[in-house]
């Protein structure tokens, strides 16, 4: 479209009533604030509030990003799972460091997490795999993510075969399935405002604790 630029510039943002955010009245630990924001997004019925963008880089430093699901968060960090043979799995092996971005659009809220990534043990990884739905386990069992695909029929046949294998052996877990934890070094909370006076609060790891600071929007 010749006027696509004008169309994009005219699209509305930050509409509706947005939640208040007082950075002074925030906890000392970013996990506590993140959990409160996540639960708030769930209560507000934000679609897929546990979806996040995971950014990684290969051995040469070239970045890639994709959207996947947060599996858990606690004092140890933010967790997600990946097959070791996938692009993200290989990149995390080469450079075990990642960034996460959550965006809850109806609330104009964004959270950014960065830090080293630690592989969880086989037991926890297996528990994560077995908690997935049947279709998700069948797809993950293939271990072919991002590889060239000749046809959708080839995909369907391979997934059906994997589903049959799982039906015969419900406890089957691929050794390459790994649960990862991002041990955050920095966590930033961003609250949008219709007047563009956005509020940014950053937590930085400081020894065993955290330091908070406001940042310009």
N, C-alpha and C. Protein backbone atom coordinates (compact mmCIF):
# COMPACT_ATOMS: atom_id res chain seq x y z
N UNK A 1 0.85 -1.19 0.00
CA UNK A 1 0.00 0.00 0.00
C UNK A 1 0.88 1.24 0.00
N UNK A 2 0.56 2.19 -0.89
CA UNK A 2 1.36 3.40 -0.99
C UNK A 2 1.28 4.23 0.29
N UNK A 3 0.12 4.18 0.96
CA UNK A 3 -0.06 5.01 2.15
C UNK A 3 -0.01 4.17 3.43
N UNK A 4 0.70 3.02 3.40
CA UNK A 4 0.79 2.17 4.58
C UNK A 4 1.44 2.91 5.74
N UNK A 5 2.46 3.70 5.43
CA UNK A 5 3.13 4.45 6.50
C UNK A 5 2.15 5.35 7.22
N UNK A 6 1.31 6.04 6.46
CA UNK A 6 0.34 6.94 7.08
C UNK A 6 -0.68 6.15 7.88
N UNK A 7 -1.08 4.99 7.36
CA UNK A 7 -2.04 4.15 8.08
C UNK A 7 -1.47 3.70 9.42
N UNK A 8 -0.22 3.27 9.41
CA UNK A 8 0.40 2.79 10.65
C UNK A 8 0.52 3.91 11.67
N UNK A 9 0.89 5.10 11.19
CA UNK A 9 1.03 6.22 12.12
C UNK A 9 -0.30 6.65 12.71
N UNK A 10 -1.39 6.34 12.02
CA UNK A 10 -2.70 6.75 12.50
C UNK A 10 -3.39 5.76 13.41
N UNK A 11 -2.81 4.58 13.57
CA UNK A 11 -3.44 3.56 14.42
C UNK A 11 -3.42 4.00 15.88
N UNK A 12 -4.52 3.81 16.62
CA UNK A 12 -4.57 4.23 18.02
C UNK A 12 -3.73 3.32 18.91
N UNK A 13 -3.18 3.89 19.96
CA UNK A 13 -2.44 3.13 20.98
C UNK A 13 -2.85 3.63 22.36
N UNK A 14 -2.70 2.77 23.34
CA UNK A 14 -2.96 3.11 24.73
C UNK A 14 -4.37 3.63 24.94
N UNK A 15 -5.36 2.96 24.33
CA UNK A 15 -6.74 3.37 24.52
C UNK A 15 -7.34 2.75 25.76
N UNK A 16 -8.42 3.34 26.25
CA UNK A 16 -9.12 2.80 27.40
C UNK A 16 -8.46 3.17 28.71
N UNK A 17 -9.09 2.70 29.79
CA UNK A 17 -8.57 2.98 31.13
C UNK A 17 -7.37 2.09 31.41
N UNK A 18 -6.27 2.69 31.80
CA UNK A 18 -5.05 1.95 32.08
C UNK A 18 -4.79 1.92 33.58
N UNK A 19 -4.16 0.84 34.07
CA UNK A 19 -3.91 0.75 35.51
C UNK A 19 -2.88 1.76 35.97
N UNK A 20 -3.00 2.14 37.23
CA UNK A 20 -2.01 3.03 37.83
C UNK A 20 -0.77 2.23 38.21
N UNK A 21 0.36 2.91 38.24
CA UNK A 21 1.60 2.26 38.65
C UNK A 21 2.43 3.26 39.43
N UNK A 22 2.59 3.00 40.73
CA UNK A 22 3.39 3.84 41.60
C UNK A 22 4.71 3.13 41.87
N UNK A 23 5.80 3.53 41.23
CA UNK A 23 7.07 2.82 41.42
C UNK A 23 7.61 2.91 42.83
N UNK A 24 7.14 3.90 43.60
CA UNK A 24 7.60 4.02 44.98
C UNK A 24 7.08 2.87 45.83
N UNK A 25 5.84 2.45 45.54
CA UNK A 25 5.19 1.40 46.34
C UNK A 25 5.39 0.04 45.70
N UNK A 26 6.63 -0.29 45.37
CA UNK A 26 6.93 -1.57 44.74
C UNK A 26 7.80 -2.41 45.68
N UNK A 27 7.70 -3.73 45.55
CA UNK A 27 8.50 -4.61 46.42
C UNK A 27 9.97 -4.55 46.08
N UNK A 28 10.79 -5.10 46.96
CA UNK A 28 12.24 -5.10 46.74
C UNK A 28 12.66 -6.16 45.73
N UNK A 29 11.82 -7.16 45.50
CA UNK A 29 12.16 -8.27 44.60
C UNK A 29 11.29 -8.19 43.35
N UNK A 30 11.90 -8.21 42.15
CA UNK A 30 11.10 -8.09 40.92
C UNK A 30 10.18 -9.28 40.68
N UNK A 31 10.50 -10.45 41.20
CA UNK A 31 9.62 -11.61 41.01
C UNK A 31 8.26 -11.35 41.63
N UNK A 32 8.25 -10.70 42.78
CA UNK A 32 6.99 -10.39 43.45
C UNK A 32 6.15 -9.43 42.60
N UNK A 33 6.78 -8.39 42.06
CA UNK A 33 6.05 -7.45 41.23
C UNK A 33 5.60 -8.10 39.92
N UNK A 34 6.47 -8.91 39.31
CA UNK A 34 6.09 -9.60 38.08
C UNK A 34 4.88 -10.50 38.32
N UNK A 35 4.90 -11.24 39.41
CA UNK A 35 3.78 -12.13 39.71
C UNK A 35 2.49 -11.35 39.87
N UNK A 36 2.57 -10.20 40.53
CA UNK A 36 1.38 -9.36 40.71
C UNK A 36 0.87 -8.87 39.36
N UNK A 37 1.76 -8.44 38.48
CA UNK A 37 1.35 -7.98 37.15
C UNK A 37 0.78 -9.12 36.31
N UNK A 38 1.41 -10.30 36.40
CA UNK A 38 0.90 -11.45 35.65
C UNK A 38 -0.50 -11.83 36.12
N UNK A 39 -0.70 -11.90 37.43
CA UNK A 39 -2.02 -12.23 37.95
C UNK A 39 -3.04 -11.16 37.58
N UNK A 40 -2.59 -9.90 37.55
CA UNK A 40 -3.48 -8.82 37.12
C UNK A 40 -3.89 -8.98 35.67
N UNK A 41 -2.96 -9.41 34.82
CA UNK A 41 -3.28 -9.65 33.41
C UNK A 41 -4.27 -10.80 33.28
N UNK A 42 -4.10 -11.83 34.09
CA UNK A 42 -5.04 -12.96 34.06
C UNK A 42 -6.43 -12.51 34.50
N UNK A 43 -6.50 -11.74 35.58
CA UNK A 43 -7.80 -11.24 36.06
C UNK A 43 -8.46 -10.34 35.02
N UNK A 44 -7.65 -9.60 34.28
CA UNK A 44 -8.19 -8.70 33.26
C UNK A 44 -8.50 -9.43 31.96
N UNK A 45 -8.30 -10.75 31.95
CA UNK A 45 -8.59 -11.60 30.80
C UNK A 45 -7.79 -11.18 29.56
N UNK A 46 -6.53 -10.80 29.79
CA UNK A 46 -5.63 -10.55 28.68
C UNK A 46 -5.38 -11.88 27.96
N UNK A 47 -5.54 -11.94 26.65
CA UNK A 47 -5.31 -13.21 25.94
C UNK A 47 -3.88 -13.70 26.11
N UNK A 48 -3.75 -14.98 26.42
CA UNK A 48 -2.45 -15.64 26.55
C UNK A 48 -1.45 -14.79 27.36
N UNK A 49 -1.77 -14.47 28.59
CA UNK A 49 -0.88 -13.61 29.38
C UNK A 49 0.46 -14.25 29.70
N UNK A 50 0.56 -15.57 29.52
CA UNK A 50 1.83 -16.26 29.79
C UNK A 50 2.70 -16.38 28.54
N UNK A 51 2.26 -15.79 27.43
CA UNK A 51 3.08 -15.78 26.21
C UNK A 51 4.18 -14.74 26.35
N UNK A 52 5.36 -15.08 25.84
CA UNK A 52 6.50 -14.17 25.96
C UNK A 52 7.39 -14.34 24.73
N UNK A 53 8.13 -13.30 24.42
CA UNK A 53 9.13 -13.37 23.37
C UNK A 53 10.46 -13.76 23.99
N UNK A 54 11.06 -14.82 23.46
CA UNK A 54 12.37 -15.27 23.91
C UNK A 54 13.40 -14.88 22.85
N UNK A 55 14.38 -14.11 23.22
CA UNK A 55 15.45 -13.70 22.32
C UNK A 55 16.74 -14.39 22.72
N UNK A 56 17.39 -15.01 21.72
CA UNK A 56 18.67 -15.68 21.93
C UNK A 56 19.64 -15.22 20.84
N UNK A 57 20.87 -15.68 20.92
CA UNK A 57 21.86 -15.36 19.90
C UNK A 57 22.73 -16.59 19.64
N UNK A 58 23.20 -16.70 18.40
CA UNK A 58 24.06 -17.84 18.07
C UNK A 58 25.51 -17.55 18.46
N UNK A 59 26.40 -18.46 18.12
CA UNK A 59 27.80 -18.33 18.52
C UNK A 59 28.46 -17.08 17.94
N UNK A 60 27.93 -16.56 16.82
CA UNK A 60 28.48 -15.36 16.20
C UNK A 60 27.82 -14.09 16.71
N UNK A 61 26.84 -14.24 17.60
CA UNK A 61 26.15 -13.08 18.15
C UNK A 61 24.95 -12.63 17.35
N UNK A 62 24.55 -13.40 16.34
CA UNK A 62 23.38 -13.03 15.54
C UNK A 62 22.11 -13.40 16.30
N UNK A 63 21.18 -12.44 16.48
CA UNK A 63 20.02 -12.70 17.32
C UNK A 63 18.87 -13.36 16.57
N UNK A 64 18.01 -14.01 17.32
CA UNK A 64 16.75 -14.50 16.80
C UNK A 64 15.74 -14.48 17.95
N UNK A 65 14.47 -14.40 17.61
CA UNK A 65 13.43 -14.30 18.64
C UNK A 65 12.20 -15.05 18.19
N UNK A 66 11.45 -15.51 19.17
CA UNK A 66 10.20 -16.22 18.90
C UNK A 66 9.32 -16.11 20.14
N UNK A 67 8.04 -16.42 19.98
CA UNK A 67 7.10 -16.35 21.09
C UNK A 67 6.82 -17.75 21.61
N UNK A 68 6.92 -17.93 22.90
CA UNK A 68 6.58 -19.20 23.53
C UNK A 68 5.96 -18.96 24.89
N UNK A 69 5.77 -20.03 25.66
CA UNK A 69 4.98 -19.95 26.88
C UNK A 69 5.88 -20.02 28.12
N UNK A 70 5.61 -19.14 29.06
CA UNK A 70 6.26 -19.20 30.37
C UNK A 70 5.74 -20.41 31.13
N UNK A 71 6.64 -21.23 31.66
CA UNK A 71 6.23 -22.43 32.37
C UNK A 71 6.11 -22.20 33.87
N UNK A 72 6.92 -21.31 34.42
CA UNK A 72 6.89 -21.05 35.86
C UNK A 72 7.80 -19.87 36.15
N UNK A 73 7.62 -19.28 37.31
CA UNK A 73 8.55 -18.25 37.78
C UNK A 73 8.57 -18.33 39.30
N UNK A 74 9.75 -18.27 39.86
CA UNK A 74 9.91 -18.25 41.30
C UNK A 74 11.21 -17.52 41.63
N UNK A 75 11.67 -17.66 42.85
CA UNK A 75 12.87 -16.93 43.26
C UNK A 75 14.08 -17.29 42.41
N UNK A 76 14.09 -18.50 41.81
CA UNK A 76 15.23 -18.92 41.00
C UNK A 76 15.23 -18.28 39.63
N UNK A 77 14.04 -17.93 39.09
CA UNK A 77 13.99 -17.30 37.79
C UNK A 77 12.78 -17.68 36.98
N UNK A 78 12.83 -17.33 35.69
CA UNK A 78 11.74 -17.53 34.73
C UNK A 78 12.03 -18.79 33.92
N UNK A 79 11.04 -19.69 33.77
CA UNK A 79 11.30 -20.98 33.13
C UNK A 79 10.54 -21.16 31.82
N UNK A 80 11.22 -21.81 30.88
CA UNK A 80 10.63 -22.20 29.61
C UNK A 80 11.31 -23.50 29.18
N UNK A 81 10.76 -24.16 28.18
CA UNK A 81 11.32 -25.43 27.72
C UNK A 81 11.65 -25.36 26.24
N UNK A 82 12.61 -26.18 25.83
CA UNK A 82 13.02 -26.22 24.42
C UNK A 82 13.66 -27.56 24.11
N UNK A 83 13.54 -27.97 22.86
CA UNK A 83 14.25 -29.16 22.37
C UNK A 83 15.67 -28.75 22.05
N UNK A 84 16.63 -29.54 22.46
CA UNK A 84 18.04 -29.18 22.25
C UNK A 84 18.40 -29.03 20.79
N UNK A 85 17.68 -29.72 19.89
CA UNK A 85 17.99 -29.66 18.47
C UNK A 85 17.29 -28.52 17.75
N UNK A 86 16.46 -27.77 18.44
CA UNK A 86 15.80 -26.61 17.83
C UNK A 86 16.80 -25.47 17.73
N UNK A 87 16.44 -24.43 16.98
CA UNK A 87 17.33 -23.27 16.85
C UNK A 87 17.61 -22.67 18.22
N UNK A 88 16.56 -22.47 19.00
CA UNK A 88 16.78 -21.86 20.32
C UNK A 88 17.60 -22.77 21.22
N UNK A 89 17.38 -24.10 21.10
CA UNK A 89 18.17 -25.03 21.90
C UNK A 89 19.64 -24.96 21.56
N UNK A 90 19.95 -24.93 20.26
CA UNK A 90 21.35 -24.86 19.84
C UNK A 90 21.98 -23.52 20.23
N UNK A 91 21.21 -22.46 20.10
CA UNK A 91 21.75 -21.14 20.46
C UNK A 91 22.01 -21.05 21.96
N UNK A 92 21.13 -21.63 22.76
CA UNK A 92 21.33 -21.59 24.20
C UNK A 92 22.52 -22.44 24.62
N UNK A 93 22.81 -23.48 23.85
CA UNK A 93 24.00 -24.27 24.12
C UNK A 93 25.25 -23.45 23.81
N UNK A 94 25.22 -22.71 22.71
CA UNK A 94 26.37 -21.91 22.32
C UNK A 94 26.54 -20.67 23.19
N UNK A 95 25.41 -20.03 23.53
CA UNK A 95 25.45 -18.80 24.34
C UNK A 95 24.30 -18.88 25.34
N UNK A 96 24.54 -19.42 26.53
CA UNK A 96 23.46 -19.59 27.52
C UNK A 96 23.07 -18.28 28.20
N UNK A 97 22.50 -17.40 27.41
CA UNK A 97 22.05 -16.09 27.89
C UNK A 97 20.84 -15.71 27.05
N UNK A 98 19.84 -15.09 27.66
CA UNK A 98 18.62 -14.80 26.91
C UNK A 98 17.92 -13.57 27.46
N UNK A 99 16.99 -13.07 26.65
CA UNK A 99 16.11 -11.98 27.06
C UNK A 99 14.67 -12.40 26.84
N UNK A 100 13.80 -12.02 27.75
CA UNK A 100 12.37 -12.30 27.66
C UNK A 100 11.62 -10.98 27.62
N UNK A 101 10.54 -10.94 26.85
CA UNK A 101 9.67 -9.76 26.82
C UNK A 101 8.23 -10.20 26.94
N UNK A 102 7.53 -9.64 27.90
CA UNK A 102 6.10 -9.84 28.06
C UNK A 102 5.40 -8.52 27.71
N UNK A 103 4.29 -8.60 26.96
CA UNK A 103 3.54 -7.39 26.62
C UNK A 103 2.06 -7.68 26.78
N UNK A 104 1.45 -7.02 27.73
CA UNK A 104 0.02 -7.16 28.00
C UNK A 104 -0.68 -5.91 27.45
N UNK A 105 -1.01 -5.98 26.19
CA UNK A 105 -1.45 -4.81 25.42
C UNK A 105 -2.64 -4.08 26.03
N UNK A 106 -3.72 -4.76 26.47
CA UNK A 106 -4.85 -4.00 27.01
C UNK A 106 -4.49 -3.16 28.23
N UNK A 107 -3.43 -3.57 28.94
CA UNK A 107 -3.00 -2.84 30.14
C UNK A 107 -1.84 -1.90 29.86
N UNK A 108 -1.33 -1.90 28.62
CA UNK A 108 -0.15 -1.12 28.26
C UNK A 108 1.00 -1.39 29.21
N UNK A 109 1.21 -2.68 29.49
CA UNK A 109 2.28 -3.08 30.39
C UNK A 109 3.26 -4.00 29.69
N UNK A 110 4.54 -3.76 29.95
CA UNK A 110 5.60 -4.58 29.37
C UNK A 110 6.61 -4.91 30.46
N UNK A 111 7.13 -6.13 30.41
CA UNK A 111 8.19 -6.54 31.33
C UNK A 111 9.32 -7.14 30.50
N UNK A 112 10.55 -6.72 30.77
CA UNK A 112 11.73 -7.23 30.08
C UNK A 112 12.66 -7.88 31.10
N UNK A 113 13.11 -9.10 30.78
CA UNK A 113 13.96 -9.87 31.67
C UNK A 113 15.22 -10.26 30.90
N UNK A 114 16.39 -10.12 31.50
CA UNK A 114 17.64 -10.55 30.86
C UNK A 114 18.50 -11.26 31.89
N UNK A 115 19.22 -12.31 31.40
CA UNK A 115 20.13 -12.98 32.30
C UNK A 115 20.64 -14.29 31.75
N UNK A 116 21.57 -14.92 32.45
CA UNK A 116 22.09 -16.22 32.04
C UNK A 116 21.02 -17.29 32.14
N UNK A 117 21.15 -18.31 31.31
CA UNK A 117 20.18 -19.40 31.27
C UNK A 117 20.83 -20.67 31.80
N UNK A 118 20.13 -21.34 32.71
CA UNK A 118 20.62 -22.56 33.34
C UNK A 118 19.73 -23.72 32.94
N UNK A 119 20.31 -24.84 32.56
CA UNK A 119 19.56 -26.04 32.24
C UNK A 119 19.13 -26.73 33.53
N UNK A 120 17.85 -27.08 33.61
CA UNK A 120 17.37 -27.84 34.76
C UNK A 120 17.71 -29.32 34.55
N UNK A 121 17.59 -30.11 35.62
CA UNK A 121 17.99 -31.51 35.53
C UNK A 121 16.97 -32.33 34.74
N UNK A 122 17.34 -33.57 34.43
CA UNK A 122 16.51 -34.43 33.59
C UNK A 122 15.14 -34.70 34.21
N UNK A 123 15.10 -34.81 35.51
CA UNK A 123 13.82 -35.10 36.18
C UNK A 123 12.83 -33.95 36.00
N UNK A 124 13.28 -32.73 36.21
CA UNK A 124 12.39 -31.59 36.05
C UNK A 124 12.01 -31.39 34.58
N UNK A 125 12.96 -31.64 33.69
CA UNK A 125 12.67 -31.51 32.26
C UNK A 125 11.64 -32.54 31.83
N UNK A 126 11.76 -33.77 32.32
CA UNK A 126 10.80 -34.82 31.97
C UNK A 126 9.42 -34.48 32.51
N UNK A 127 9.36 -33.94 33.72
CA UNK A 127 8.07 -33.57 34.30
C UNK A 127 7.39 -32.49 33.46
N UNK A 128 8.18 -31.56 32.95
CA UNK A 128 7.62 -30.52 32.09
C UNK A 128 7.06 -31.13 30.81
N UNK A 129 7.82 -32.04 30.20
CA UNK A 129 7.36 -32.66 28.95
C UNK A 129 6.07 -33.44 29.17
N UNK A 130 6.00 -34.21 30.24
CA UNK A 130 4.83 -35.04 30.49
C UNK A 130 3.60 -34.22 30.86
N UNK A 131 3.80 -32.97 31.27
CA UNK A 131 2.68 -32.09 31.60
C UNK A 131 2.07 -31.44 30.35
N UNK A 132 2.73 -31.57 29.21
CA UNK A 132 2.21 -31.01 27.98
C UNK A 132 1.03 -31.81 27.48
N UNK A 133 0.19 -31.19 26.66
CA UNK A 133 -0.92 -31.89 26.04
C UNK A 133 -0.41 -32.94 25.06
N UNK A 134 -1.28 -33.88 24.71
CA UNK A 134 -0.88 -34.98 23.84
C UNK A 134 -0.35 -34.49 22.50
N UNK A 135 -1.04 -33.53 21.89
CA UNK A 135 -0.59 -33.01 20.60
C UNK A 135 0.75 -32.31 20.69
N UNK A 136 0.95 -31.55 21.77
CA UNK A 136 2.21 -30.83 21.95
C UNK A 136 3.36 -31.81 22.19
N UNK A 137 3.10 -32.90 22.92
CA UNK A 137 4.15 -33.90 23.14
C UNK A 137 4.50 -34.62 21.84
N UNK A 138 3.50 -34.92 21.03
CA UNK A 138 3.77 -35.60 19.75
C UNK A 138 4.62 -34.73 18.85
N UNK A 139 4.30 -33.46 18.78
CA UNK A 139 5.08 -32.55 17.93
C UNK A 139 6.50 -32.41 18.45
N UNK A 140 6.65 -32.27 19.77
CA UNK A 140 7.98 -32.09 20.34
C UNK A 140 8.83 -33.34 20.21
N UNK A 141 8.17 -34.50 20.20
CA UNK A 141 8.91 -35.76 20.09
C UNK A 141 9.65 -35.87 18.76
N UNK A 142 9.16 -35.18 17.73
CA UNK A 142 9.79 -35.26 16.41
C UNK A 142 11.19 -34.66 16.40
N UNK A 143 11.38 -33.56 17.13
CA UNK A 143 12.69 -32.92 17.16
C UNK A 143 13.11 -32.32 15.84
N UNK A 144 12.15 -31.90 15.01
CA UNK A 144 12.49 -31.39 13.67
C UNK A 144 12.21 -29.90 13.51
N UNK A 145 12.02 -29.20 14.58
CA UNK A 145 11.63 -27.80 14.50
C UNK A 145 12.61 -27.00 13.65
N UNK A 146 12.07 -26.21 12.73
CA UNK A 146 12.80 -25.30 11.83
C UNK A 146 13.50 -26.01 10.68
N UNK A 147 13.43 -27.33 10.61
CA UNK A 147 14.02 -28.04 9.47
C UNK A 147 13.10 -27.92 8.25
N UNK A 148 13.65 -28.04 7.04
CA UNK A 148 12.81 -27.98 5.83
C UNK A 148 11.74 -29.07 5.83
N UNK A 149 10.56 -28.70 5.34
CA UNK A 149 9.42 -29.62 5.29
C UNK A 149 8.94 -29.72 3.85
N UNK A 150 8.85 -30.97 3.33
CA UNK A 150 8.46 -31.17 1.93
C UNK A 150 6.99 -30.85 1.71
N UNK A 151 6.13 -31.23 2.66
CA UNK A 151 4.69 -31.00 2.48
C UNK A 151 3.99 -31.11 3.83
N UNK A 152 2.77 -30.56 3.90
CA UNK A 152 1.98 -30.69 5.12
C UNK A 152 1.59 -32.14 5.37
N UNK A 153 1.45 -32.91 4.31
CA UNK A 153 1.12 -34.32 4.47
C UNK A 153 2.25 -35.06 5.18
N UNK A 154 3.50 -34.70 4.86
CA UNK A 154 4.64 -35.30 5.56
C UNK A 154 4.59 -34.97 7.04
N UNK A 155 4.27 -33.73 7.34
CA UNK A 155 4.15 -33.31 8.75
C UNK A 155 3.08 -34.12 9.46
N UNK A 156 1.89 -34.20 8.84
CA UNK A 156 0.77 -34.89 9.48
C UNK A 156 1.09 -36.36 9.73
N UNK A 157 1.77 -36.99 8.79
CA UNK A 157 2.12 -38.40 8.95
C UNK A 157 3.12 -38.58 10.09
N UNK A 158 4.09 -37.68 10.18
CA UNK A 158 5.10 -37.79 11.23
C UNK A 158 4.49 -37.55 12.61
N UNK A 159 3.60 -36.59 12.71
CA UNK A 159 2.95 -36.31 13.99
C UNK A 159 2.06 -37.48 14.39
N UNK A 160 1.35 -38.07 13.44
CA UNK A 160 0.50 -39.23 13.73
C UNK A 160 1.34 -40.40 14.23
N UNK A 161 2.51 -40.58 13.62
CA UNK A 161 3.41 -41.64 14.06
C UNK A 161 3.91 -41.38 15.47
N UNK A 162 4.26 -40.13 15.77
CA UNK A 162 4.72 -39.78 17.11
C UNK A 162 3.61 -39.97 18.13
N UNK A 163 2.37 -39.62 17.76
CA UNK A 163 1.24 -39.81 18.67
C UNK A 163 1.02 -41.29 18.96
N UNK A 164 1.21 -42.13 17.95
CA UNK A 164 1.06 -43.57 18.15
C UNK A 164 2.15 -44.09 19.10
N UNK A 165 3.37 -43.57 18.96
CA UNK A 165 4.45 -43.98 19.86
C UNK A 165 4.13 -43.60 21.30
N UNK A 166 3.56 -42.42 21.49
CA UNK A 166 3.20 -41.97 22.83
C UNK A 166 2.04 -42.78 23.40
N UNK A 167 1.13 -43.20 22.54
CA UNK A 167 0.02 -44.03 23.00
C UNK A 167 0.54 -45.38 23.50
N UNK A 168 1.55 -45.90 22.84
CA UNK A 168 2.14 -47.18 23.26
C UNK A 168 3.00 -47.02 24.51
N UNK A 169 3.61 -45.84 24.66
CA UNK A 169 4.51 -45.59 25.78
C UNK A 169 4.24 -44.19 26.32
N UNK A 170 3.19 -44.03 27.17
CA UNK A 170 2.80 -42.69 27.65
C UNK A 170 3.90 -41.96 28.43
N UNK A 171 4.84 -42.71 28.97
CA UNK A 171 5.91 -42.07 29.74
C UNK A 171 7.13 -41.71 28.93
N UNK A 172 7.03 -41.83 27.61
CA UNK A 172 8.17 -41.56 26.74
C UNK A 172 8.54 -40.07 26.79
N UNK A 173 9.81 -39.80 27.01
CA UNK A 173 10.31 -38.42 27.07
C UNK A 173 11.60 -38.34 26.25
N UNK A 174 11.68 -37.44 25.27
CA UNK A 174 12.93 -37.31 24.52
C UNK A 174 14.04 -36.76 25.40
N UNK A 175 15.21 -37.36 25.30
CA UNK A 175 16.34 -36.93 26.13
C UNK A 175 16.72 -35.48 25.85
N UNK A 176 16.37 -34.99 24.66
CA UNK A 176 16.75 -33.63 24.26
C UNK A 176 15.81 -32.56 24.81
N UNK A 177 14.71 -32.97 25.44
CA UNK A 177 13.77 -31.96 25.96
C UNK A 177 14.33 -31.37 27.25
N UNK A 178 14.48 -30.06 27.30
CA UNK A 178 15.16 -29.42 28.42
C UNK A 178 14.35 -28.25 28.96
N UNK A 179 14.21 -28.23 30.26
CA UNK A 179 13.62 -27.08 30.95
C UNK A 179 14.75 -26.12 31.29
N UNK A 180 14.55 -24.85 30.95
CA UNK A 180 15.57 -23.82 31.16
C UNK A 180 15.06 -22.78 32.15
N UNK A 181 15.97 -22.20 32.90
CA UNK A 181 15.64 -21.12 33.82
C UNK A 181 16.50 -19.90 33.51
N UNK A 182 15.85 -18.75 33.29
CA UNK A 182 16.56 -17.49 33.13
C UNK A 182 16.79 -16.92 34.52
N UNK A 183 18.05 -16.85 34.92
CA UNK A 183 18.42 -16.28 36.22
C UNK A 183 18.64 -14.79 35.99
N UNK A 184 17.65 -14.02 36.24
CA UNK A 184 17.64 -12.61 35.82
C UNK A 184 18.76 -11.80 36.47
N UNK A 185 19.41 -11.00 35.63
CA UNK A 185 20.35 -9.98 36.10
C UNK A 185 19.67 -8.61 36.10
N UNK A 186 18.66 -8.46 35.22
CA UNK A 186 17.90 -7.21 35.18
C UNK A 186 16.46 -7.53 34.82
N UNK A 187 15.55 -6.78 35.41
CA UNK A 187 14.12 -6.91 35.13
C UNK A 187 13.55 -5.50 35.06
N UNK A 188 12.90 -5.17 33.96
CA UNK A 188 12.36 -3.82 33.79
C UNK A 188 10.85 -3.86 33.60
N UNK A 189 10.16 -2.99 34.33
CA UNK A 189 8.71 -2.87 34.24
C UNK A 189 8.37 -1.55 33.57
N UNK A 190 7.49 -1.63 32.58
CA UNK A 190 7.11 -0.46 31.79
C UNK A 190 5.60 -0.32 31.79
N UNK A 191 5.12 0.82 32.28
CA UNK A 191 3.70 1.10 32.28
C UNK A 191 3.43 2.25 31.31
N UNK A 192 2.68 1.95 30.24
CA UNK A 192 2.36 2.97 29.26
C UNK A 192 1.30 3.94 29.76
N UNK A 193 1.28 5.12 29.16
CA UNK A 193 0.28 6.14 29.50
C UNK A 193 -0.18 6.81 28.22
N UNK A 194 -1.43 7.17 28.15
CA UNK A 194 -1.98 7.75 26.93
C UNK A 194 -1.30 9.07 26.57
N UNK A 195 -0.86 9.82 27.59
CA UNK A 195 -0.18 11.09 27.32
C UNK A 195 1.32 10.92 27.05
N UNK A 196 1.75 9.66 26.95
CA UNK A 196 3.14 9.29 26.66
C UNK A 196 4.09 9.52 27.84
N UNK A 197 3.56 9.87 29.00
CA UNK A 197 4.39 9.97 30.19
C UNK A 197 4.52 8.58 30.81
N UNK A 198 5.18 7.69 30.06
CA UNK A 198 5.30 6.31 30.49
C UNK A 198 6.20 6.22 31.73
N UNK A 199 6.02 5.15 32.49
CA UNK A 199 6.82 4.93 33.69
C UNK A 199 7.65 3.67 33.51
N UNK A 200 8.97 3.80 33.71
CA UNK A 200 9.88 2.65 33.61
C UNK A 200 10.62 2.47 34.92
N UNK A 201 10.53 1.27 35.45
CA UNK A 201 11.24 0.93 36.68
C UNK A 201 12.11 -0.27 36.41
N UNK A 202 13.40 -0.15 36.68
CA UNK A 202 14.35 -1.23 36.41
C UNK A 202 14.92 -1.77 37.72
N UNK A 203 14.98 -3.09 37.79
CA UNK A 203 15.68 -3.77 38.88
C UNK A 203 16.99 -4.31 38.33
N UNK A 204 18.06 -4.11 39.05
CA UNK A 204 19.36 -4.65 38.67
C UNK A 204 19.89 -5.52 39.80
N UNK A 205 20.40 -6.70 39.44
CA UNK A 205 20.96 -7.60 40.44
C UNK A 205 22.15 -6.94 41.13
N UNK A 206 22.14 -6.99 42.46
CA UNK A 206 23.20 -6.37 43.25
C UNK A 206 23.58 -7.35 44.36
N UNK A 207 24.53 -8.23 44.05
CA UNK A 207 24.88 -9.26 45.02
C UNK A 207 23.71 -10.22 45.21
N UNK A 208 23.30 -10.39 46.44
CA UNK A 208 22.17 -11.27 46.74
C UNK A 208 20.83 -10.55 46.64
N UNK A 209 20.86 -9.23 46.44
CA UNK A 209 19.63 -8.46 46.38
C UNK A 209 19.47 -7.73 45.07
N UNK A 210 18.66 -6.66 45.10
CA UNK A 210 18.33 -5.91 43.90
C UNK A 210 18.41 -4.42 44.19
N UNK A 211 18.79 -3.68 43.15
CA UNK A 211 18.76 -2.21 43.19
C UNK A 211 17.70 -1.74 42.21
N UNK A 212 16.87 -0.78 42.62
CA UNK A 212 15.82 -0.24 41.75
C UNK A 212 16.19 1.16 41.29
N UNK A 213 15.79 1.46 40.04
CA UNK A 213 16.00 2.81 39.54
C UNK A 213 14.95 3.13 38.48
N UNK A 214 14.53 4.37 38.44
CA UNK A 214 13.64 4.85 37.40
C UNK A 214 14.46 5.12 36.15
N UNK A 215 13.84 4.97 34.98
CA UNK A 215 14.50 5.28 33.71
C UNK A 215 13.60 6.15 32.86
N UNK A 216 14.23 6.98 32.04
CA UNK A 216 13.45 7.81 31.12
C UNK A 216 12.71 6.91 30.13
N UNK A 217 11.46 7.29 29.81
CA UNK A 217 10.70 6.48 28.84
C UNK A 217 11.24 6.66 27.42
